[in-house]
Structures are given as C-alpha cells and as structure tokens.
Amino acid sequence: MDSIVILFISGLLGLFVGMRRQPLSALVISSLGLTGAALAAYFRGQYTSPLAAYTAYIPTQSAVVILLCIVTLLAIWGGYQRYRQENEHTGDYLSLVLFSLCGAIMMAQPNDLMLFFIGLEILSIPIYVLVGIEKGSALSAEAAVKYFFTGSFASAILLFGIALLYGATGSFQLVEIQSNLAIGIWQSPMAMIGSLFLLAGFAFKIGAVPFHFWGPDVYQGASNAVLMYMSTVVKITGIYAIVNVFGQIFRDSYFYWIDLISLLIVLSMFYGYITAWKQTSFKRLIAYSSIANAGLMLFALADIHNSNIFLFVAAYAFATIPLVTINEFADQNSDDLSNWEGIAWKNPLVGAALVLALFSLAGIPPLAGFFGKFSLLWSAVPHIPYTAVLALIASVIGAFVYLRLLMLALKKPEVQVKKALSAEQTIVLLLTTISSITALYLI
C-alpha cells in the first residue's frame, strides 16, 4: 500500500512540475517516486507503516512490485527523448504512467475481486489517453479509439464474470470464494460460466488468441515511449492477475479449465510467431511476438502450486524494452523494418544490446530468456506434456522470426554512419543488457 501512495504523490508532483515546463525535473521526480516505491516494497514488514491498519490491500510478493517499478523506470528513461519534445506535457505523460502503475500494483496481487477491478480501470484509463496522445496522428487516434472500445468491452466481460461468481458464492474475497467453490459450488452453471468470463477478460488483457485482435493496431498507433510501458508492465500485470485469481479460487476445478488454457497456449504461440514472420512494421512484429509470449506466460497456470513465471516475465521485459528503445534510435518518425538495416553498425552498444535482446527472446542459452522458458515448460511437462512439445515447435518458428530481424540489423551498410545514443538510452541499454546476462543469478 505504501508503494501505491508514493507513486500517486509522485504523479501529482509531476503534474505541477509539468506546468512549469521542466521535463528534466519531471523525469527526476518520477524516477525518485519509482525508486521510493520499490524500496518501500523491498523493506515491507521491516518498518511500521502509517497505513498498517488498512487491510483491504495486502500484497504478498514484494518482488512483483519491485519488478514493475524497475521496468517502468526503464520504460520512462527509454522514452524520455520522445516525452521531452513537448516540454509543456512531459510531466503529464510521466504522471499518467505513474497513475497507471498504481492500478497495475493493485491488479497484480488481488485479494478482493472488486479491488482488482478498480485496479484494472486505474491501469487502463491512463493508457487509453497515452496511446492517443500523438497530436495530428490519425493512426494514434484510431488506435486509442479501438483500444478504448475493446478494452471497455473486455472490462464489461470481466465485471460480468465477477458478478456471476458473487451470485454463486456470496463474496468478493478470493479466500471466501475458494472455500465456497471447494465444497462443490463450482459445479453450478453460474460459477462455471463466471470462470469462463473471467478467463476471457484476462486473455484480452494479456493479448492471447482469440482476444488478440486489438494488439497489432494499438501497438502500431502508440509511440515508442508508450509502447515500452504498455508492452511490458500491462502484460506482466495481466499474467500475475490470472495466476493469482485462478491459482487461488479455481484450483479445485483445475481439470475443468486446463484443457482450454492449453488450447489458448497453442493458438497464441503458433498464430503469433507465424504472423510475425510476415510483418514489415517493427511495432506490429513486436505485437505478434507479444501474442506468442502471452501464450508462453499461460504455462504458469499448468502448475498453479509452483508458478515459475517471475524469471520469464523479467526476461521478456528486459528484452523488449531495449528493442523498442533501438527502434526509437533508428527513426522515431517511421516504423518500417527497413530502418533496421545495418543499425547494429551505427553504434556498438546498439549492436550488443540488440543481439542479446533477440537471443533472449528466442530462448538462446545462457541468457535469461532461455532459463525463463525452461522453468515454465519444465514445470508444465508433467501436467500438459503435449502442449509443452507443441510450444517447443512454435518456439523454433519464433527463433527464425528474431533471426530475420537480427540479420537485417547486422547487414553491413555500404557507407557506415555512426550515430550517438542519448544518455538515457545508453543507461537503458546498458542496464537491460546486464540484466539479460545476469538475471538468473539475481533471482
């Protein structure tokens, strides 16, 4: 709870600083707020919180809050060059990100379904604004409208599922719902349909097939700065929410929904990777890659008593953020993959970060992405072995997708033109590169 309050206060201060048109001050305040929120989560329980009596929200895993704060910090640093172009709005941009993160923390570890829904809306509404904030861009406006309407529809589905579960169990508390379902209430049509509505809403939020249709257009319409946050924090939050909810309240009906989860995994991975192969837009390629990775994340539900999702989502975030940062470095006004031709030769740090990020996404050892995939699939094999085998086949297809991008970036240009990174981009690429190499040893 302390982390949420710190982030909220930092967001408010950022709004006031933004009125003075001081983009660097807004970045410093946001960075300090995120650092303070991460420290509050790290030292939780080692000090007396002034909000200790407030028991409606009790996070159980400080590591998740810390990861969300770190990823958001990297995202705002990586996108700072874009934010500062409109110095009268820099504080607004960064504050919206912090407000959204407050909802992400509430949503990721819920103990109450109504509080979870409130967190979902706090997370989503600022992103609707950020996606459409590109002035004069019809693509951005279209993406914002599409995201708003489809997101509202998904929220309505989730709320309807919550209402059905409340009608079946008489409670919004996850512990009470689980205890009621354990005595056989889950077999009632109301509870079964409610669980399916919840699964559909969650699948939309993480962009899994068949609820993926919003992803490519929204990713393409968003700026690189917004994409860094949206493609990482939102997906991490969504998968942790579904693991917590299904792991707590539906664990006794595991056999009822695990086959459906397996189908979502296979469809998401094959559709995401095969479609990504055809893309000529970097953002759309990342969108379809994220669909496939959403399928991989759902493997966490195969073993709900021993989830191995943390390393995978951390590796995914530390690989995605540098790629979007490099896309900003390539050409912030264009999204064509032709901009990536020979980009690794323009700056040595870009080349190194790009190779490691793509290798990590492809699951090449000894990078963090390999160990993240291995831990997920290894824990899932005893439960859904055939799905794990199909996931391995899909991962091979995905490796060729990333190899295609790598070969394009490593193609030696006829005339080599060096290009400097900004200080913020340099820090982001350095930190994410180190994290991809050493993440296994830091868990």
Protein backbone atom coordinates (compact mmCIF):
# COMPACT_ATOMS: atom_id res chain seq x y z
CA MET A 1 0.00 0.00 0.00
CA ASP A 2 2.89 2.37 0.77
CA SER A 3 4.26 1.89 -2.76
CA ILE A 4 0.94 2.95 -4.27
CA VAL A 5 0.78 6.09 -2.12
CA ILE A 6 4.36 7.05 -3.03
CA LEU A 7 3.63 6.61 -6.74
CA PHE A 8 0.41 8.61 -6.50
CA ILE A 9 2.10 11.53 -4.70
CA SER A 10 4.96 11.46 -7.24
CA GLY A 11 2.43 11.59 -10.07
CA LEU A 12 0.72 14.62 -8.53
CA LEU A 13 4.04 16.42 -8.07
CA GLY A 14 4.92 15.62 -11.67
CA LEU A 15 1.75 17.34 -12.84
CA PHE A 16 2.69 20.54 -11.01
CA VAL A 17 6.26 20.41 -12.33
CA GLY A 18 4.89 19.88 -15.82
CA MET A 19 3.08 23.22 -15.57
CA ARG A 20 6.50 24.89 -15.27
CA ARG A 21 7.74 23.16 -18.45
CA GLN A 22 10.70 21.44 -16.80
CA PRO A 23 10.95 17.99 -18.41
CA LEU A 24 14.14 17.02 -16.59
CA SER A 25 12.57 17.83 -13.21
CA ALA A 26 9.55 15.72 -14.13
CA LEU A 27 11.86 12.80 -15.02
CA VAL A 28 13.75 13.16 -11.73
CA ILE A 29 10.54 13.24 -9.66
CA SER A 30 9.15 10.20 -11.48
CA SER A 31 12.43 8.31 -11.06
CA LEU A 32 12.59 9.13 -7.35
CA GLY A 33 8.96 8.07 -6.91
CA LEU A 34 9.57 4.73 -8.62
CA THR A 35 12.73 4.17 -6.60
CA GLY A 36 10.90 5.01 -3.37
CA ALA A 37 8.04 2.68 -4.25
CA ALA A 38 10.47 -0.16 -4.98
CA LEU A 39 12.32 0.43 -1.69
CA ALA A 40 9.03 0.51 0.24
CA ALA A 41 8.16 -2.87 -1.25
CA TYR A 42 11.63 -4.26 -0.54
CA PHE A 43 11.59 -3.24 3.14
CA ARG A 44 7.93 -4.11 3.68
CA GLY A 45 7.47 -5.62 7.12
CA GLN A 46 10.72 -4.15 8.43
CA TYR A 47 9.15 -0.86 9.47
CA THR A 48 5.83 0.33 10.86
CA SER A 49 3.72 1.63 8.03
CA PRO A 50 1.34 4.53 8.72
CA LEU A 51 -1.17 2.59 6.62
CA ALA A 52 -0.77 -0.68 8.53
CA ALA A 53 -4.39 -0.59 9.69
CA TYR A 54 -5.65 -0.54 6.10
CA THR A 55 -6.10 -4.22 5.30
CA ALA A 56 -8.10 -4.07 2.06
CA TYR A 57 -4.92 -4.42 0.02
CA ILE A 58 -2.12 -6.66 1.29
CA PRO A 59 0.49 -7.51 -1.39
CA THR A 60 2.02 -10.93 -0.89
CA GLN A 61 5.02 -10.73 -3.21
CA SER A 62 7.26 -7.68 -2.91
CA ALA A 63 9.33 -8.96 -5.85
CA VAL A 64 6.45 -8.31 -8.25
CA VAL A 65 6.07 -4.69 -7.11
CA ILE A 66 9.83 -4.15 -7.39
CA LEU A 67 9.91 -5.65 -10.88
CA LEU A 68 7.02 -3.44 -12.05
CA CYS A 69 8.76 -0.33 -10.68
CA ILE A 70 12.09 -1.21 -12.31
CA VAL A 71 10.51 -1.97 -15.68
CA THR A 72 8.51 1.28 -15.57
CA LEU A 73 11.68 3.21 -14.67
CA LEU A 74 13.48 1.74 -17.68
CA ALA A 75 10.47 2.50 -19.89
CA ILE A 76 10.29 6.20 -18.99
CA TRP A 77 14.05 6.60 -19.38
CA GLY A 78 13.99 4.88 -22.74
CA GLY A 79 11.13 7.08 -23.95
CA TYR A 80 12.35 10.34 -22.41
CA GLN A 81 13.63 11.71 -25.73
CA ARG A 82 10.09 11.46 -27.08
CA TYR A 83 8.46 12.88 -23.94
CA ARG A 84 10.72 15.94 -23.80
CA GLN A 85 9.82 17.04 -27.34
CA GLU A 86 6.68 18.61 -25.88
CA ASN A 87 8.09 20.05 -22.67
CA GLU A 88 4.75 21.51 -21.63
CA HIS A 89 3.33 17.97 -21.48
CA THR A 90 6.29 15.91 -20.24
CA GLY A 91 5.01 15.98 -16.67
CA ASP A 92 1.56 14.90 -17.90
CA TYR A 93 2.99 11.91 -19.77
CA LEU A 94 5.08 10.68 -16.87
CA SER A 95 2.34 11.25 -14.31
CA LEU A 96 -0.13 9.22 -16.37
CA VAL A 97 2.39 6.37 -16.41
CA LEU A 98 2.74 6.53 -12.60
CA PHE A 99 -1.03 6.62 -12.08
CA SER A 100 -1.38 3.62 -14.36
CA LEU A 101 1.29 1.78 -12.37
CA CYS A 102 -0.74 2.33 -9.18
CA GLY A 103 -3.54 0.33 -10.78
CA ALA A 104 -1.09 -2.30 -12.02
CA ILE A 105 0.16 -2.99 -8.50
CA MET A 106 -3.40 -3.23 -7.17
CA MET A 107 -4.38 -5.55 -10.01
CA ALA A 108 -1.36 -7.87 -9.99
CA GLN A 109 -1.92 -9.28 -6.50
CA PRO A 110 -5.60 -9.03 -5.62
CA ASN A 111 -7.28 -10.48 -2.54
CA ASP A 112 -10.64 -8.97 -3.46
CA LEU A 113 -12.25 -9.07 -6.92
CA MET A 114 -13.80 -5.62 -6.65
CA LEU A 115 -10.47 -4.10 -5.65
CA PHE A 116 -8.94 -5.98 -8.57
CA PHE A 117 -11.47 -4.44 -10.96
CA ILE A 118 -10.78 -0.94 -9.63
CA GLY A 119 -7.06 -1.56 -10.17
CA LEU A 120 -7.76 -2.72 -13.71
CA GLU A 121 -9.57 0.51 -14.56
CA ILE A 122 -6.87 2.66 -12.93
CA LEU A 123 -4.31 0.80 -15.03
CA SER A 124 -6.26 1.04 -18.29
CA ILE A 125 -7.67 4.57 -18.43
CA PRO A 126 -4.28 6.41 -18.49
CA ILE A 127 -3.08 4.04 -21.23
CA TYR A 128 -6.12 4.87 -23.39
CA VAL A 129 -5.01 8.50 -23.16
CA LEU A 130 -1.31 7.78 -23.75
CA VAL A 131 -1.98 5.68 -26.86
CA GLY A 132 -3.92 8.53 -28.48
CA ILE A 133 -1.75 11.38 -27.30
CA GLU A 134 0.15 11.77 -30.59
CA LYS A 135 -1.26 15.04 -31.90
CA GLY A 136 -2.10 15.09 -35.58
CA SER A 137 -1.65 11.34 -35.99
CA ALA A 138 -4.70 9.58 -37.42
CA LEU A 139 -3.06 6.22 -36.65
CA SER A 140 -2.68 7.14 -32.98
CA ALA A 141 -6.27 8.38 -32.73
CA GLU A 142 -7.58 5.22 -34.39
CA ALA A 143 -5.52 3.05 -32.04
CA ALA A 144 -6.82 4.90 -28.98
CA VAL A 145 -10.44 4.56 -30.04
CA LYS A 146 -10.03 0.87 -30.85
CA TYR A 147 -8.23 0.21 -27.55
CA PHE A 148 -10.85 2.13 -25.57
CA PHE A 149 -13.84 0.32 -27.02
CA THR A 150 -12.32 -3.16 -26.99
CA GLY A 151 -10.85 -2.55 -23.53
CA SER A 152 -14.23 -1.40 -22.23
CA PHE A 153 -15.86 -4.48 -23.71
CA ALA A 154 -13.28 -6.73 -22.01
CA SER A 155 -13.79 -4.92 -18.71
CA ALA A 156 -17.53 -5.48 -19.02
CA ILE A 157 -16.93 -9.21 -19.59
CA LEU A 158 -14.70 -9.35 -16.50
CA LEU A 159 -17.24 -7.47 -14.41
CA PHE A 160 -19.99 -9.81 -15.54
CA GLY A 161 -17.83 -12.79 -14.57
CA ILE A 162 -17.21 -11.24 -11.15
CA ALA A 163 -20.95 -10.67 -10.73
CA LEU A 164 -21.70 -14.31 -11.57
CA LEU A 165 -19.11 -15.52 -9.09
CA TYR A 166 -20.56 -13.26 -6.42
CA GLY A 167 -24.00 -14.63 -7.16
CA ALA A 168 -22.70 -18.20 -6.84
CA THR A 169 -20.57 -17.71 -3.70
CA GLY A 170 -21.86 -14.56 -1.99
CA SER A 171 -18.44 -12.94 -1.66
CA PHE A 172 -15.82 -10.86 -3.49
CA GLN A 173 -12.97 -12.11 -1.26
CA LEU A 174 -10.75 -14.64 -3.03
CA VAL A 175 -10.31 -16.76 0.10
CA GLU A 176 -14.05 -16.97 0.75
CA ILE A 177 -14.83 -17.66 -2.91
CA GLN A 178 -12.31 -20.51 -2.95
CA SER A 179 -13.70 -22.06 0.23
CA ASN A 180 -17.22 -21.95 -1.18
CA LEU A 181 -16.16 -23.39 -4.52
CA ALA A 182 -14.24 -26.16 -2.73
CA ILE A 183 -17.45 -27.64 -1.36
CA GLY A 184 -18.80 -28.18 -4.85
CA ILE A 185 -20.45 -24.87 -5.69
CA TRP A 186 -18.15 -24.53 -8.73
CA GLN A 187 -20.27 -27.17 -10.43
CA SER A 188 -23.20 -24.74 -10.55
CA PRO A 189 -23.75 -23.19 -14.03
CA MET A 190 -23.37 -19.69 -12.58
CA ALA A 191 -19.88 -20.37 -11.18
CA MET A 192 -18.71 -22.24 -14.28
CA ILE A 193 -19.87 -19.53 -16.67
CA GLY A 194 -18.38 -16.87 -14.37
CA SER A 195 -14.98 -18.54 -14.52
CA LEU A 196 -15.13 -18.60 -18.33
CA PHE A 197 -15.98 -14.89 -18.44
CA LEU A 198 -13.05 -14.16 -16.15
CA LEU A 199 -10.72 -16.21 -18.36
CA ALA A 200 -11.90 -14.34 -21.47
CA GLY A 201 -11.30 -10.96 -19.81
CA PHE A 202 -7.85 -11.97 -18.65
CA ALA A 203 -6.96 -13.35 -22.09
CA PHE A 204 -7.86 -9.98 -23.60
CA LYS A 205 -5.66 -8.07 -21.17
CA ILE A 206 -2.58 -10.17 -21.95
CA GLY A 207 -3.39 -10.31 -25.68
CA ALA A 208 -3.84 -14.08 -26.06
CA VAL A 209 -5.66 -15.63 -29.03
CA PRO A 210 -8.59 -15.30 -29.75
CA PHE A 211 -8.73 -12.00 -27.86
CA HIS A 212 -5.64 -10.55 -29.52
CA PHE A 213 -7.23 -8.52 -32.33
CA TRP A 214 -6.65 -5.15 -30.67
CA GLY A 215 -2.89 -5.66 -30.18
CA PRO A 216 -1.21 -5.02 -33.56
CA ASP A 217 -3.21 -1.87 -34.40
CA VAL A 218 -2.82 -0.41 -30.91
CA TYR A 219 0.90 -1.17 -30.77
CA GLN A 220 1.41 0.40 -34.19
CA GLY A 221 -0.53 3.55 -33.28
CA ALA A 222 1.26 4.11 -29.95
CA SER A 223 4.54 5.98 -29.74
CA ASN A 224 7.70 4.05 -28.88
CA ALA A 225 7.73 5.73 -25.47
CA VAL A 226 4.24 4.44 -24.63
CA LEU A 227 4.90 1.07 -26.25
CA MET A 228 7.79 0.39 -23.85
CA TYR A 229 5.43 0.62 -20.89
CA MET A 230 2.36 -0.95 -22.47
CA SER A 231 4.11 -4.00 -23.93
CA THR A 232 5.79 -4.92 -20.63
CA VAL A 233 4.03 -3.68 -17.49
CA VAL A 234 0.49 -4.37 -18.75
CA LYS A 235 1.40 -7.92 -19.81
CA ILE A 236 3.26 -8.68 -16.55
CA THR A 237 0.33 -7.36 -14.53
CA GLY A 238 -2.21 -9.34 -16.52
CA ILE A 239 -0.42 -12.68 -16.20
CA TYR A 240 0.15 -12.24 -12.47
CA ALA A 241 -3.51 -11.38 -12.01
CA ILE A 242 -4.69 -14.50 -13.82
CA VAL A 243 -2.19 -16.71 -11.96
CA ASN A 244 -3.29 -15.30 -8.59
CA VAL A 245 -7.02 -15.50 -9.30
CA PHE A 246 -7.07 -18.92 -10.92
CA GLY A 247 -4.40 -20.26 -8.59
CA GLN A 248 -6.47 -19.30 -5.57
CA ILE A 249 -10.14 -19.61 -6.34
CA PHE A 250 -10.24 -22.16 -9.18
CA ARG A 251 -7.53 -24.62 -8.15
CA ASP A 252 -10.12 -27.22 -7.15
CA SER A 253 -11.65 -27.11 -10.66
CA TYR A 254 -8.25 -27.38 -12.38
CA PHE A 255 -9.33 -30.19 -14.70
CA TYR A 256 -12.27 -28.08 -15.90
CA TRP A 257 -10.26 -25.26 -17.45
CA ILE A 258 -6.71 -26.55 -18.05
CA ASP A 259 -7.61 -28.01 -21.48
CA LEU A 260 -8.98 -24.64 -22.53
CA ILE A 261 -5.77 -22.97 -21.31
CA SER A 262 -3.76 -25.47 -23.36
CA LEU A 263 -5.73 -24.54 -26.47
CA LEU A 264 -5.11 -20.82 -25.86
CA ILE A 265 -1.37 -21.50 -25.45
CA VAL A 266 -1.04 -23.42 -28.72
CA LEU A 267 -3.15 -20.99 -30.75
CA SER A 268 -1.38 -17.93 -29.35
CA MET A 269 2.13 -19.25 -29.95
CA PHE A 270 1.64 -20.55 -33.49
CA TYR A 271 -0.52 -17.65 -34.64
CA GLY A 272 1.77 -15.05 -33.05
CA TYR A 273 5.05 -16.37 -34.45
CA ILE A 274 3.75 -17.32 -37.91
CA THR A 275 2.08 -13.93 -38.40
CA ALA A 276 5.11 -12.06 -37.05
CA TRP A 277 7.17 -13.58 -39.87
CA LYS A 278 5.22 -11.60 -42.50
CA GLN A 279 5.42 -8.17 -40.85
CA THR A 280 7.20 -5.17 -42.36
CA SER A 281 6.43 -2.94 -39.36
CA PHE A 282 8.54 -3.28 -36.23
CA LYS A 283 5.70 -2.44 -33.86
CA ARG A 284 3.40 -4.98 -35.46
CA LEU A 285 6.17 -7.57 -35.29
CA ILE A 286 6.54 -6.86 -31.56
CA ALA A 287 2.76 -7.06 -31.18
CA TYR A 288 2.57 -10.53 -32.70
CA SER A 289 5.65 -11.58 -30.74
CA SER A 290 3.87 -10.45 -27.57
CA ILE A 291 0.85 -12.58 -28.53
CA ALA A 292 3.10 -15.62 -28.75
CA ASN A 293 4.77 -14.75 -25.45
CA ALA A 294 1.35 -14.36 -23.84
CA GLY A 295 0.79 -18.00 -24.75
CA LEU A 296 4.07 -18.92 -23.09
CA MET A 297 3.12 -16.99 -19.96
CA LEU A 298 -0.08 -19.02 -19.66
CA PHE A 299 2.10 -22.07 -18.93
CA ALA A 300 2.27 -20.66 -15.40
CA LEU A 301 -1.28 -21.97 -14.93
CA ALA A 302 -0.20 -25.55 -15.66
CA ASP A 303 1.39 -25.79 -12.22
CA ILE A 304 -0.57 -23.34 -10.10
CA HIS A 305 1.02 -24.54 -6.85
CA ASN A 306 4.57 -23.75 -8.01
CA SER A 307 4.50 -20.96 -10.56
CA ASN A 308 7.79 -20.15 -12.31
CA ILE A 309 6.59 -17.03 -14.06
CA PHE A 310 8.83 -14.37 -12.45
CA LEU A 311 12.04 -15.12 -14.34
CA PHE A 312 10.25 -15.37 -17.67
CA VAL A 313 8.36 -12.06 -17.41
CA ALA A 314 11.51 -10.31 -16.17
CA ALA A 315 13.50 -11.68 -19.10
CA TYR A 316 10.71 -10.73 -21.51
CA ALA A 317 10.64 -7.14 -20.22
CA PHE A 318 14.43 -6.75 -20.24
CA ALA A 319 14.50 -7.92 -23.87
CA THR A 320 11.51 -5.94 -25.17
CA ILE A 321 12.44 -2.54 -23.73
CA PRO A 322 15.87 -2.37 -25.46
CA LEU A 323 14.34 -3.39 -28.80
CA VAL A 324 11.75 -0.59 -28.63
CA THR A 325 14.50 1.82 -27.50
CA ILE A 326 16.54 0.81 -30.54
CA ASN A 327 13.51 1.38 -32.76
CA GLU A 328 13.30 4.90 -31.35
CA PHE A 329 17.02 5.28 -32.04
CA ALA A 330 16.56 4.03 -35.63
CA ASP A 331 13.87 6.53 -36.63
CA GLN A 332 11.16 7.80 -34.31
CA ASN A 333 9.07 9.07 -37.23
CA SER A 334 8.92 5.78 -39.11
CA ASP A 335 8.08 2.22 -38.17
CA ASP A 336 9.30 0.32 -41.22
CA LEU A 337 11.72 -2.54 -40.70
CA SER A 338 13.89 -1.09 -43.46
CA ASN A 339 15.13 1.39 -40.83
CA TRP A 340 16.78 -1.54 -39.05
CA GLU A 341 19.05 -2.38 -41.96
CA GLY A 342 22.63 -2.09 -40.71
CA ILE A 343 21.59 -0.41 -37.47
CA ALA A 344 23.99 -2.53 -35.41
CA TRP A 345 26.91 -0.80 -37.19
CA LYS A 346 25.77 2.68 -36.18
CA ASN A 347 26.64 2.24 -32.52
CA PRO A 348 28.48 -0.63 -30.78
CA LEU A 349 26.18 -0.59 -27.73
CA VAL A 350 23.13 -0.82 -30.00
CA GLY A 351 24.64 -3.84 -31.74
CA ALA A 352 25.45 -5.65 -28.49
CA ALA A 353 22.10 -4.87 -26.85
CA LEU A 354 20.19 -5.88 -29.97
CA VAL A 355 21.93 -9.25 -30.30
CA LEU A 356 21.44 -10.13 -26.63
CA ALA A 357 17.79 -8.98 -26.57
CA LEU A 358 16.87 -11.02 -29.64
CA PHE A 359 18.77 -14.07 -28.37
CA SER A 360 16.99 -13.79 -25.03
CA LEU A 361 13.56 -13.57 -26.69
CA ALA A 362 14.45 -16.56 -28.85
CA GLY A 363 15.45 -18.55 -25.77
CA ILE A 364 19.14 -18.97 -26.57
CA PRO A 365 21.26 -20.06 -23.56
CA PRO A 366 22.76 -18.79 -21.32
CA LEU A 367 20.56 -15.68 -21.42
CA ALA A 368 17.66 -15.04 -19.07
CA GLY A 369 15.04 -15.78 -21.73
CA PHE A 370 16.26 -19.37 -22.05
CA PHE A 371 16.02 -20.07 -18.33
CA GLY A 372 12.63 -18.36 -18.16
CA LYS A 373 11.22 -20.59 -20.91
CA PHE A 374 12.90 -23.66 -19.48
CA SER A 375 11.45 -23.15 -16.00
CA LEU A 376 7.93 -22.64 -17.36
CA LEU A 377 7.98 -25.61 -19.71
CA TRP A 378 9.73 -27.93 -17.24
CA SER A 379 7.08 -27.36 -14.58
CA ALA A 380 4.31 -27.80 -17.17
CA VAL A 381 5.53 -31.08 -18.73
CA PRO A 382 4.03 -33.38 -16.03
CA HIS A 383 0.63 -31.70 -16.41
CA ILE A 384 0.26 -30.85 -20.12
CA PRO A 385 3.10 -32.69 -21.93
CA TYR A 386 1.69 -32.47 -25.46
CA THR A 387 1.15 -28.73 -25.12
CA ALA A 388 4.77 -28.32 -23.99
CA VAL A 389 6.01 -30.22 -27.05
CA LEU A 390 3.92 -28.03 -29.37
CA ALA A 391 5.28 -24.95 -27.58
CA LEU A 392 8.83 -26.09 -28.30
CA ILE A 393 7.97 -26.41 -32.01
CA ALA A 394 6.41 -22.94 -32.01
CA SER A 395 9.49 -21.54 -30.26
CA VAL A 396 11.65 -22.77 -33.15
CA ILE A 397 9.45 -20.78 -35.54
CA GLY A 398 9.83 -17.78 -33.23
CA ALA A 399 13.61 -18.12 -33.27
CA PHE A 400 13.57 -17.68 -37.06
CA VAL A 401 11.43 -14.55 -36.66
CA TYR A 402 14.02 -12.99 -34.38
CA LEU A 403 16.87 -14.26 -36.58
CA ARG A 404 15.33 -12.44 -39.53
CA LEU A 405 15.38 -9.17 -37.59
CA LEU A 406 18.92 -9.87 -36.40
CA MET A 407 20.25 -10.49 -39.91
CA LEU A 408 18.66 -7.27 -41.10
CA ALA A 409 20.27 -5.28 -38.28
CA LEU A 410 23.69 -6.90 -38.81
CA LYS A 411 23.74 -6.34 -42.57
CA LYS A 412 26.83 -4.28 -43.24
CA PRO A 413 25.97 -0.99 -44.97
CA GLU A 414 27.99 0.32 -47.87
CA VAL A 415 28.57 3.57 -46.02
CA GLN A 416 28.91 3.32 -42.25
CA VAL A 417 27.38 6.29 -40.42
CA LYS A 418 27.93 6.49 -36.68
CA LYS A 419 25.07 7.76 -34.52
CA ALA A 420 25.17 8.69 -30.85
CA LEU A 421 22.70 7.50 -28.23
CA SER A 422 21.21 9.87 -25.70
CA ALA A 423 22.36 9.50 -22.09
CA GLU A 424 19.01 7.99 -21.06
CA GLN A 425 19.01 5.48 -23.93
CA THR A 426 22.58 4.48 -23.08
CA ILE A 427 21.63 3.78 -19.46
CA VAL A 428 18.60 1.72 -20.52
CA LEU A 429 20.56 -0.40 -23.00
CA LEU A 430 23.37 -0.98 -20.51
CA LEU A 431 21.04 -2.00 -17.67
CA THR A 432 18.85 -4.27 -19.79
CA THR A 433 21.90 -5.92 -21.38
CA ILE A 434 23.41 -6.65 -17.97
CA SER A 435 20.04 -7.90 -16.72
CA SER A 436 19.62 -10.31 -19.63
CA ILE A 437 23.01 -11.82 -18.86
CA THR A 438 22.85 -11.90 -15.07
CA ALA A 439 19.11 -12.23 -14.31
CA LEU A 440 19.45 -15.91 -13.45
CA TYR A 441 21.94 -15.13 -10.71
CA LEU A 442 19.86 -12.29 -9.27
CA ILE A 443 16.65 -14.27 -8.70
